[in-house]
Amino acid sequence: MKSNKKVFFAGLIVLVVSIPVLADIFTPSPSCSKPIKPYEFTSQWQLDSFNNDVQRYKRCIQNFISEQNRAVKTHQQAANNAINEWNRFVQYELN
């Protein structure tokens, strides 16, 4: 019974440690649907519908870009905070 617990906890530790490593493997991509342009527009309704789909696609891409830019700012701030923490440690603890 004790060896099963050890194996379980060892597996759990490996899992917990490996999840953050896998986090940066996948690059996010937008889940936007591109509109399909017909070979020829046969009505004003079809043209208007296509133009609406183009605008919807554009907004989706813009929202994805904004979301990624916010994430960049968040990560950059975290990096700057770590730099500042290190600099304070060096200034006050090592000098």
PDB file of N, CA and C in Angstrom:
ATOM      1  N   MET A   1       0.822  -1.192   0.000  1.00  0.00           N
ATOM      2  CA  MET A   1       0.000   0.000   0.000  1.00  0.00           C
ATOM      3  C   MET A   1       0.866   1.257   0.000  1.00  0.00           C
ATOM      4  N   LYS A   2       1.981   1.211   0.786  1.00  0.00           N
ATOM      5  CA  LYS A   2       2.846   2.383   0.847  1.00  0.00           C
ATOM      6  C   LYS A   2       3.498   2.650  -0.502  1.00  0.00           C
ATOM      7  N   SER A   3       3.866   1.595  -1.233  1.00  0.00           N
ATOM      8  CA  SER A   3       4.528   1.808  -2.521  1.00  0.00           C
ATOM      9  C   SER A   3       3.547   2.408  -3.532  1.00  0.00           C
ATOM     10  N   ASN A   4       2.266   2.052  -3.437  1.00  0.00           N
ATOM     11  CA  ASN A   4       1.265   2.655  -4.323  1.00  0.00           C
ATOM     12  C   ASN A   4       1.143   4.144  -4.058  1.00  0.00           C
ATOM     13  N   LYS A   5       1.188   4.547  -2.801  1.00  0.00           N
ATOM     14  CA  LYS A   5       1.111   5.956  -2.448  1.00  0.00           C
ATOM     15  C   LYS A   5       2.342   6.695  -2.966  1.00  0.00           C
ATOM     16  N   LYS A   6       3.506   6.069  -2.837  1.00  0.00           N
ATOM     17  CA  LYS A   6       4.731   6.694  -3.325  1.00  0.00           C
ATOM     18  C   LYS A   6       4.675   6.887  -4.833  1.00  0.00           C
ATOM     19  N   VAL A   7       4.213   5.877  -5.540  1.00  0.00           N
ATOM     20  CA  VAL A   7       4.097   5.974  -7.000  1.00  0.00           C
ATOM     21  C   VAL A   7       3.092   7.059  -7.369  1.00  0.00           C
ATOM     22  N   PHE A   8       1.975   7.110  -6.659  1.00  0.00           N
ATOM     23  CA  PHE A   8       0.954   8.126  -6.923  1.00  0.00           C
ATOM     24  C   PHE A   8       1.512   9.527  -6.715  1.00  0.00           C
ATOM     25  N   PHE A   9       2.168   9.752  -5.587  1.00  0.00           N
ATOM     26  CA  PHE A   9       2.709  11.080  -5.305  1.00  0.00           C
ATOM     27  C   PHE A   9       3.849  11.442  -6.255  1.00  0.00           C
ATOM     28  N   ALA A  10       4.653  10.465  -6.637  1.00  0.00           N
ATOM     29  CA  ALA A  10       5.725  10.733  -7.606  1.00  0.00           C
ATOM     30  C   ALA A  10       5.123  11.129  -8.950  1.00  0.00           C
ATOM     31  N   GLY A  11       4.081  10.414  -9.358  1.00  0.00           N
ATOM     32  CA  GLY A  11       3.396  10.756 -10.610  1.00  0.00           C
ATOM     33  C   GLY A  11       2.753  12.128 -10.540  1.00  0.00           C
ATOM     34  N   LEU A  12       2.166  12.441  -9.395  1.00  0.00           N
ATOM     35  CA  LEU A  12       1.533  13.744  -9.204  1.00  0.00           C
ATOM     36  C   LEU A  12       2.562  14.863  -9.283  1.00  0.00           C
ATOM     37  N   ILE A  13       3.698  14.666  -8.676  1.00  0.00           N
ATOM     38  CA  ILE A  13       4.764  15.678  -8.712  1.00  0.00           C
ATOM     39  C   ILE A  13       5.251  15.881 -10.143  1.00  0.00           C
ATOM     40  N   VAL A  14       5.449  14.804 -10.876  1.00  0.00           N
ATOM     41  CA  VAL A  14       5.888  14.913 -12.275  1.00  0.00           C
ATOM     42  C   VAL A  14       4.851  15.666 -13.093  1.00  0.00           C
ATOM     43  N   LEU A  15       3.587  15.365 -12.869  1.00  0.00           N
ATOM     44  CA  LEU A  15       2.510  16.042 -13.594  1.00  0.00           C
ATOM     45  C   LEU A  15       2.477  17.529 -13.284  1.00  0.00           C
ATOM     46  N   VAL A  16       2.556  17.879 -12.019  1.00  0.00           N
ATOM     47  CA  VAL A  16       2.499  19.285 -11.611  1.00  0.00           C
ATOM     48  C   VAL A  16       3.691  20.063 -12.160  1.00  0.00           C
ATOM     49  N   VAL A  17       4.850  19.445 -12.163  1.00  0.00           N
ATOM     50  CA  VAL A  17       6.050  20.127 -12.658  1.00  0.00           C
ATOM     51  C   VAL A  17       6.009  20.249 -14.180  1.00  0.00           C
ATOM     52  N   SER A  18       5.444  19.271 -14.879  1.00  0.00           N
ATOM     53  CA  SER A  18       5.479  19.284 -16.341  1.00  0.00           C
ATOM     54  C   SER A  18       4.420  20.180 -16.969  1.00  0.00           C
ATOM     55  N   ILE A  19       3.323  20.472 -16.301  1.00  0.00           N
ATOM     56  CA  ILE A  19       2.259  21.290 -16.895  1.00  0.00           C
ATOM     57  C   ILE A  19       2.755  22.689 -17.265  1.00  0.00           C
ATOM     58  N   PRO A  20       3.468  23.409 -16.394  1.00  0.00           N
ATOM     59  CA  PRO A  20       3.957  24.731 -16.819  1.00  0.00           C
ATOM     60  C   PRO A  20       4.920  24.659 -18.002  1.00  0.00           C
ATOM     61  N   VAL A  21       5.669  23.586 -18.122  1.00  0.00           N
ATOM     62  CA  VAL A  21       6.596  23.432 -19.238  1.00  0.00           C
ATOM     63  C   VAL A  21       5.823  23.330 -20.548  1.00  0.00           C
ATOM     64  N   LEU A  22       4.693  22.654 -20.530  1.00  0.00           N
ATOM     65  CA  LEU A  22       3.883  22.480 -21.734  1.00  0.00           C
ATOM     66  C   LEU A  22       3.105  23.736 -22.101  1.00  0.00           C
ATOM     67  N   ALA A  23       2.975  24.670 -21.193  1.00  0.00           N
ATOM     68  CA  ALA A  23       2.142  25.842 -21.422  1.00  0.00           C
ATOM     69  C   ALA A  23       2.601  26.669 -22.603  1.00  0.00           C
ATOM     70  N   ASP A  24       3.890  26.752 -22.863  1.00  0.00           N
ATOM     71  CA  ASP A  24       4.388  27.594 -23.938  1.00  0.00           C
ATOM     72  C   ASP A  24       4.641  26.838 -25.240  1.00  0.00           C
ATOM     73  N   ILE A  25       4.279  25.592 -25.306  1.00  0.00           N
ATOM     74  CA  ILE A  25       4.484  24.815 -26.526  1.00  0.00           C
ATOM     75  C   ILE A  25       3.500  25.251 -27.608  1.00  0.00           C
ATOM     76  N   PHE A  26       2.284  25.570 -27.217  1.00  0.00           N
ATOM     77  CA  PHE A  26       1.237  25.887 -28.172  1.00  0.00           C
ATOM     78  C   PHE A  26       1.114  27.384 -28.357  1.00  0.00           C
ATOM     79  N   THR A  27       1.137  27.827 -29.604  1.00  0.00           N
ATOM     80  CA  THR A  27       0.960  29.232 -29.926  1.00  0.00           C
ATOM     81  C   THR A  27      -0.519  29.474 -30.177  1.00  0.00           C
ATOM     82  N   PRO A  28      -1.095  30.457 -29.490  1.00  0.00           N
ATOM     83  CA  PRO A  28      -2.516  30.720 -29.716  1.00  0.00           C
ATOM     84  C   PRO A  28      -2.767  31.197 -31.140  1.00  0.00           C
ATOM     85  N   SER A  29      -3.915  30.889 -31.642  1.00  0.00           N
ATOM     86  CA  SER A  29      -4.313  31.374 -32.961  1.00  0.00           C
ATOM     87  C   SER A  29      -5.786  31.761 -32.886  1.00  0.00           C
ATOM     88  N   PRO A  30      -6.188  32.694 -33.713  1.00  0.00           N
ATOM     89  CA  PRO A  30      -7.579  33.130 -33.657  1.00  0.00           C
ATOM     90  C   PRO A  30      -8.517  32.018 -34.130  1.00  0.00           C
ATOM     91  N   SER A  31      -9.676  31.977 -33.532  1.00  0.00           N
ATOM     92  CA  SER A  31     -10.683  30.983 -33.944  1.00  0.00           C
ATOM     93  C   SER A  31     -11.764  31.685 -34.763  1.00  0.00           C
ATOM     94  N   CYS A  32     -11.320  32.516 -35.682  1.00  0.00           N
ATOM     95  CA  CYS A  32     -12.225  33.292 -36.521  1.00  0.00           C
ATOM     96  C   CYS A  32     -12.497  32.535 -37.817  1.00  0.00           C
ATOM     97  N   SER A  33     -13.705  32.658 -38.313  1.00  0.00           N
ATOM     98  CA  SER A  33     -14.071  32.011 -39.580  1.00  0.00           C
ATOM     99  C   SER A  33     -13.948  32.999 -40.728  1.00  0.00           C
ATOM    100  N   LYS A  34     -13.151  32.644 -41.708  1.00  0.00           N
ATOM    101  CA  LYS A  34     -13.003  33.498 -42.880  1.00  0.00           C
ATOM    102  C   LYS A  34     -14.265  33.402 -43.735  1.00  0.00           C
ATOM    103  N   PRO A  35     -14.710  34.535 -44.239  1.00  0.00           N
ATOM    104  CA  PRO A  35     -15.856  34.473 -45.148  1.00  0.00           C
ATOM    105  C   PRO A  35     -15.425  33.902 -46.506  1.00  0.00           C
ATOM    106  N   ILE A  36     -16.326  33.220 -47.133  1.00  0.00           N
ATOM    107  CA  ILE A  36     -16.050  32.634 -48.445  1.00  0.00           C
ATOM    108  C   ILE A  36     -16.676  33.534 -49.505  1.00  0.00           C
ATOM    109  N   LYS A  37     -15.817  34.025 -50.374  1.00  0.00           N
ATOM    110  CA  LYS A  37     -16.288  34.921 -51.424  1.00  0.00           C
ATOM    111  C   LYS A  37     -16.805  34.095 -52.599  1.00  0.00           C
ATOM    112  N   PRO A  38     -18.043  34.348 -52.999  1.00  0.00           N
ATOM    113  CA  PRO A  38     -18.557  33.622 -54.162  1.00  0.00           C
ATOM    114  C   PRO A  38     -17.833  34.063 -55.440  1.00  0.00           C
ATOM    115  N   TYR A  39     -17.854  33.212 -56.418  1.00  0.00           N
ATOM    116  CA  TYR A  39     -17.225  33.542 -57.691  1.00  0.00           C
ATOM    117  C   TYR A  39     -17.866  34.787 -58.284  1.00  0.00           C
ATOM    118  N   GLU A  40     -19.183  34.891 -58.113  1.00  0.00           N
ATOM    119  CA  GLU A  40     -19.929  36.032 -58.643  1.00  0.00           C
ATOM    120  C   GLU A  40     -21.094  36.330 -57.702  1.00  0.00           C
ATOM    121  N   PHE A  41     -21.309  37.596 -57.421  1.00  0.00           N
ATOM    122  CA  PHE A  41     -22.450  37.997 -56.599  1.00  0.00           C
ATOM    123  C   PHE A  41     -23.679  38.088 -57.497  1.00  0.00           C
ATOM    124  N   THR A  42     -24.730  37.406 -57.079  1.00  0.00           N
ATOM    125  CA  THR A  42     -25.942  37.373 -57.907  1.00  0.00           C
ATOM    126  C   THR A  42     -27.041  38.296 -57.405  1.00  0.00           C
ATOM    127  N   SER A  43     -26.810  38.881 -56.208  1.00  0.00           N
ATOM    128  CA  SER A  43     -27.825  39.794 -55.674  1.00  0.00           C
ATOM    129  C   SER A  43     -27.172  40.776 -54.705  1.00  0.00           C
ATOM    130  N   GLN A  44     -27.879  41.841 -54.453  1.00  0.00           N
ATOM    131  CA  GLN A  44     -27.395  42.820 -53.489  1.00  0.00           C
ATOM    132  C   GLN A  44     -27.343  42.194 -52.092  1.00  0.00           C
ATOM    133  N   TRP A  45     -28.326  41.350 -51.791  1.00  0.00           N
ATOM    134  CA  TRP A  45     -28.359  40.681 -50.492  1.00  0.00           C
ATOM    135  C   TRP A  45     -27.098  39.834 -50.300  1.00  0.00           C
ATOM    136  N   GLN A  46     -26.696  39.125 -51.332  1.00  0.00           N
ATOM    137  CA  GLN A  46     -25.502  38.281 -51.242  1.00  0.00           C
ATOM    138  C   GLN A  46     -24.258  39.139 -51.010  1.00  0.00           C
ATOM    139  N   LEU A  47     -24.164  40.266 -51.707  1.00  0.00           N
ATOM    140  CA  LEU A  47     -23.047  41.181 -51.531  1.00  0.00           C
ATOM    141  C   LEU A  47     -23.039  41.760 -50.120  1.00  0.00           C
ATOM    142  N   ASP A  48     -24.196  42.218 -49.643  1.00  0.00           N
ATOM    143  CA  ASP A  48     -24.295  42.773 -48.290  1.00  0.00           C
ATOM    144  C   ASP A  48     -23.945  41.731 -47.237  1.00  0.00           C
ATOM    145  N   SER A  49     -24.414  40.530 -47.445  1.00  0.00           N
ATOM    146  CA  SER A  49     -24.131  39.443 -46.503  1.00  0.00           C
ATOM    147  C   SER A  49     -22.631  39.161 -46.450  1.00  0.00           C
ATOM    148  N   PHE A  50     -22.001  39.113 -47.607  1.00  0.00           N
ATOM    149  CA  PHE A  50     -20.556  38.879 -47.654  1.00  0.00           C
ATOM    150  C   PHE A  50     -19.805  40.011 -46.954  1.00  0.00           C
ATOM    151  N   ASN A  51     -20.196  41.254 -47.226  1.00  0.00           N
ATOM    152  CA  ASN A  51     -19.538  42.401 -46.582  1.00  0.00           C
ATOM    153  C   ASN A  51     -19.706  42.358 -45.064  1.00  0.00           C
ATOM    154  N   ASN A  52     -20.882  41.946 -44.589  1.00  0.00           N
ATOM    155  CA  ASN A  52     -21.094  41.800 -43.143  1.00  0.00           C
ATOM    156  C   ASN A  52     -20.183  40.717 -42.570  1.00  0.00           C
ATOM    157  N   ASP A  53     -20.039  39.626 -43.312  1.00  0.00           N
ATOM    158  CA  ASP A  53     -19.154  38.545 -42.859  1.00  0.00           C
ATOM    159  C   ASP A  53     -17.698  39.006 -42.816  1.00  0.00           C
ATOM    160  N   VAL A  54     -17.296  39.833 -43.786  1.00  0.00           N
ATOM    161  CA  VAL A  54     -15.941  40.370 -43.808  1.00  0.00           C
ATOM    162  C   VAL A  54     -15.718  41.251 -42.577  1.00  0.00           C
ATOM    163  N   GLN A  55     -16.670  42.096 -42.250  1.00  0.00           N
ATOM    164  CA  GLN A  55     -16.547  42.965 -41.074  1.00  0.00           C
ATOM    165  C   GLN A  55     -16.507  42.150 -39.786  1.00  0.00           C
ATOM    166  N   ARG A  56     -17.304  41.104 -39.700  1.00  0.00           N
ATOM    167  CA  ARG A  56     -17.312  40.223 -38.521  1.00  0.00           C
ATOM    168  C   ARG A  56     -15.948  39.543 -38.365  1.00  0.00           C
ATOM    169  N   TYR A  57     -15.392  39.090 -39.493  1.00  0.00           N
ATOM    170  CA  TYR A  57     -14.071  38.455 -39.482  1.00  0.00           C
ATOM    171  C   TYR A  57     -13.007  39.455 -39.029  1.00  0.00           C
ATOM    172  N   LYS A  58     -13.075  40.666 -39.539  1.00  0.00           N
ATOM    173  CA  LYS A  58     -12.125  41.709 -39.169  1.00  0.00           C
ATOM    174  C   LYS A  58     -12.189  41.999 -37.669  1.00  0.00           C
ATOM    175  N   ARG A  59     -13.408  42.116 -37.122  1.00  0.00           N
ATOM    176  CA  ARG A  59     -13.564  42.369 -35.681  1.00  0.00           C
ATOM    177  C   ARG A  59     -13.000  41.215 -34.859  1.00  0.00           C
ATOM    178  N   CYS A  60     -13.231  40.007 -35.309  1.00  0.00           N
ATOM    179  CA  CYS A  60     -12.716  38.833 -34.592  1.00  0.00           C
ATOM    180  C   CYS A  60     -11.189  38.860 -34.544  1.00  0.00           C
ATOM    181  N   ILE A  61     -10.559  39.145 -35.678  1.00  0.00           N
ATOM    182  CA  ILE A  61      -9.101  39.225 -35.735  1.00  0.00           C
ATOM    183  C   ILE A  61      -8.602  40.360 -34.851  1.00  0.00           C
ATOM    184  N   GLN A  62      -9.253  41.520 -34.910  1.00  0.00           N
ATOM    185  CA  GLN A  62      -8.846  42.662 -34.081  1.00  0.00           C
ATOM    186  C   GLN A  62      -8.977  42.341 -32.593  1.00  0.00           C
ATOM    187  N   ASN A  63     -10.046  41.642 -32.209  1.00  0.00           N
ATOM    188  CA  ASN A  63     -10.219  41.254 -30.806  1.00  0.00           C
ATOM    189  C   ASN A  63      -9.123  40.291 -30.366  1.00  0.00           C
ATOM    190  N   PHE A  64      -8.765  39.349 -31.237  1.00  0.00           N
ATOM    191  CA  PHE A  64      -7.687  38.413 -30.919  1.00  0.00           C
ATOM    192  C   PHE A  64      -6.373  39.162 -30.721  1.00  0.00           C
ATOM    193  N   ILE A  65      -6.084  40.105 -31.608  1.00  0.00           N
ATOM    194  CA  ILE A  65      -4.847  40.887 -31.509  1.00  0.00           C
ATOM    195  C   ILE A  65      -4.832  41.687 -30.209  1.00  0.00           C
ATOM    196  N   SER A  66      -5.951  42.310 -29.871  1.00  0.00           N
ATOM    197  CA  SER A  66      -6.023  43.078 -28.626  1.00  0.00           C
ATOM    198  C   SER A  66      -5.786  42.185 -27.415  1.00  0.00           C
ATOM    199  N   GLU A  67      -6.371  41.013 -27.432  1.00  0.00           N
ATOM    200  CA  GLU A  67      -6.201  40.063 -26.322  1.00  0.00           C
ATOM    201  C   GLU A  67      -4.739  39.648 -26.186  1.00  0.00           C
ATOM    202  N   GLN A  68      -4.075  39.380 -27.311  1.00  0.00           N
ATOM    203  CA  GLN A  68      -2.675  38.988 -27.274  1.00  0.00           C
ATOM    204  C   GLN A  68      -1.793  40.144 -26.799  1.00  0.00           C
ATOM    205  N   ASN A  69      -2.117  41.360 -27.231  1.00  0.00           N
ATOM    206  CA  ASN A  69      -1.344  42.524 -26.786  1.00  0.00           C
ATOM    207  C   ASN A  69      -1.503  42.757 -25.287  1.00  0.00           C
ATOM    208  N   ARG A  70      -2.707  42.526 -24.744  1.00  0.00           N
ATOM    209  CA  ARG A  70      -2.897  42.640 -23.287  1.00  0.00           C
ATOM    210  C   ARG A  70      -2.055  41.587 -22.569  1.00  0.00           C
ATOM    211  N   ALA A  71      -1.999  40.388 -23.114  1.00  0.00           N
ATOM    212  CA  ALA A  71      -1.189  39.327 -22.502  1.00  0.00           C
ATOM    213  C   ALA A  71       0.295  39.688 -22.533  1.00  0.00           C
ATOM    214  N   VAL A  72       0.744  40.283 -23.629  1.00  0.00           N
ATOM    215  CA  VAL A  72       2.141  40.719 -23.727  1.00  0.00           C
ATOM    216  C   VAL A  72       2.445  41.727 -22.630  1.00  0.00           C
ATOM    217  N   LYS A  73       1.563  42.698 -22.451  1.00  0.00           N
ATOM    218  CA  LYS A  73       1.775  43.723 -21.422  1.00  0.00           C
ATOM    219  C   LYS A  73       1.815  43.100 -20.034  1.00  0.00           C
ATOM    220  N   THR A  74       0.938  42.136 -19.782  1.00  0.00           N
ATOM    221  CA  THR A  74       0.909  41.467 -18.484  1.00  0.00           C
ATOM    222  C   THR A  74       2.219  40.722 -18.233  1.00  0.00           C
ATOM    223  N   HIS A  75       2.694  39.990 -19.241  1.00  0.00           N
ATOM    224  CA  HIS A  75       3.946  39.245 -19.080  1.00  0.00           C
ATOM    225  C   HIS A  75       5.139  40.184 -18.953  1.00  0.00           C
ATOM    226  N   GLN A  76       5.118  41.275 -19.688  1.00  0.00           N
ATOM    227  CA  GLN A  76       6.218  42.238 -19.593  1.00  0.00           C
ATOM    228  C   GLN A  76       6.249  42.865 -18.209  1.00  0.00           C
ATOM    229  N   GLN A  77       5.080  43.168 -17.654  1.00  0.00           N
ATOM    230  CA  GLN A  77       5.024  43.733 -16.308  1.00  0.00           C
ATOM    231  C   GLN A  77       5.536  42.732 -15.280  1.00  0.00           C
ATOM    232  N   ALA A  78       5.195  41.460 -15.463  1.00  0.00           N
ATOM    233  CA  ALA A  78       5.692  40.428 -14.543  1.00  0.00           C
ATOM    234  C   ALA A  78       7.217  40.326 -14.617  1.00  0.00           C
ATOM    235  N   ALA A  79       7.761  40.409 -15.817  1.00  0.00           N
ATOM    236  CA  ALA A  79       9.221  40.372 -15.971  1.00  0.00           C
ATOM    237  C   ALA A  79       9.863  41.591 -15.317  1.00  0.00           C
ATOM    238  N   ASN A  80       9.274  42.758 -15.526  1.00  0.00           N
ATOM    239  CA  ASN A  80       9.810  43.974 -14.901  1.00  0.00           C
ATOM    240  C   ASN A  80       9.735  43.902 -13.384  1.00  0.00           C
ATOM    241  N   ASN A  81       8.661  43.351 -12.861  1.00  0.00           N
ATOM    242  CA  ASN A  81       8.534  43.187 -11.405  1.00  0.00           C
ATOM    243  C   ASN A  81       9.625  42.276 -10.861  1.00  0.00           C
ATOM    244  N   ALA A  82       9.929  41.212 -11.593  1.00  0.00           N
ATOM    245  CA  ALA A  82      10.989  40.293 -11.161  1.00  0.00           C
ATOM    246  C   ALA A  82      12.353  40.990 -11.192  1.00  0.00           C
ATOM    247  N   ILE A  83      12.589  41.787 -12.214  1.00  0.00           N
ATOM    248  CA  ILE A  83      13.843  42.543 -12.294  1.00  0.00           C
ATOM    249  C   ILE A  83      13.956  43.499 -11.117  1.00  0.00           C
ATOM    250  N   ASN A  84      12.874  44.209 -10.838  1.00  0.00           N
ATOM    251  CA  ASN A  84      12.879  45.148  -9.707  1.00  0.00           C
ATOM    252  C   ASN A  84      13.103  44.432  -8.381  1.00  0.00           C
ATOM    253  N   GLU A  85      12.485  43.257  -8.225  1.00  0.00           N
ATOM    254  CA  GLU A  85      12.678  42.478  -6.995  1.00  0.00           C
ATOM    255  C   GLU A  85      14.147  42.091  -6.840  1.00  0.00           C
ATOM    256  N   TRP A  86      14.756  41.639  -7.934  1.00  0.00           N
ATOM    257  CA  TRP A  86      16.167  41.268  -7.887  1.00  0.00           C
ATOM    258  C   TRP A  86      17.031  42.481  -7.539  1.00  0.00           C
ATOM    259  N   ASN A  87      16.759  43.598  -8.199  1.00  0.00           N
ATOM    260  CA  ASN A  87      17.554  44.801  -7.947  1.00  0.00           C
ATOM    261  C   ASN A  87      17.430  45.271  -6.499  1.00  0.00           C
ATOM    262  N   ARG A  88      16.233  45.182  -5.934  1.00  0.00           N
ATOM    263  CA  ARG A  88      16.056  45.563  -4.505  1.00  0.00           C
ATOM    264  C   ARG A  88      16.827  44.608  -3.603  1.00  0.00           C
ATOM    265  N   PHE A  89      16.787  43.309  -3.930  1.00  0.00           N
ATOM    266  CA  PHE A  89      17.520  42.338  -3.139  1.00  0.00           C
ATOM    267  C   PHE A  89      19.014  42.658  -3.169  1.00  0.00           C
ATOM    268  N   VAL A  90      19.545  42.894  -4.353  1.00  0.00           N
ATOM    269  CA  VAL A  90      20.971  43.190  -4.476  1.00  0.00           C
ATOM    270  C   VAL A  90      21.306  44.478  -3.722  1.00  0.00           C
ATOM    271  N   GLN A  91      20.480  45.496  -3.875  1.00  0.00           N
ATOM    272  CA  GLN A  91      20.767  46.798  -3.247  1.00  0.00           C
ATOM    273  C   GLN A  91      20.698  46.732  -1.721  1.00  0.00           C
ATOM    274  N   TYR A  92      19.697  46.064  -1.191  1.00  0.00           N
ATOM    275  CA  TYR A  92      19.496  46.115   0.266  1.00  0.00           C
ATOM    276  C   TYR A  92      20.087  44.929   1.025  1.00  0.00           C
ATOM    277  N   GLU A  93      20.220  43.791   0.364  1.00  0.00           N
ATOM    278  CA  GLU A  93      20.693  42.608   1.071  1.00  0.00           C
ATOM    279  C   GLU A  93      22.168  42.302   0.829  1.00  0.00           C
ATOM    280  N   LEU A  94      22.662  42.657  -0.329  1.00  0.00           N
ATOM    281  CA  LEU A  94      24.035  42.299  -0.671  1.00  0.00           C
ATOM    282  C   LEU A  94      25.008  43.456  -0.507  1.00  0.00           C
ATOM    283  N   ASN A  95      24.507  44.658  -0.341  1.00  0.00           N
ATOM    284  CA  ASN A  95      25.400  45.811  -0.184  1.00  0.00           C
ATOM    285  C   ASN A  95      25.407  46.297   1.251  1.00  0.00           C
TER     286      ASN A  95
END
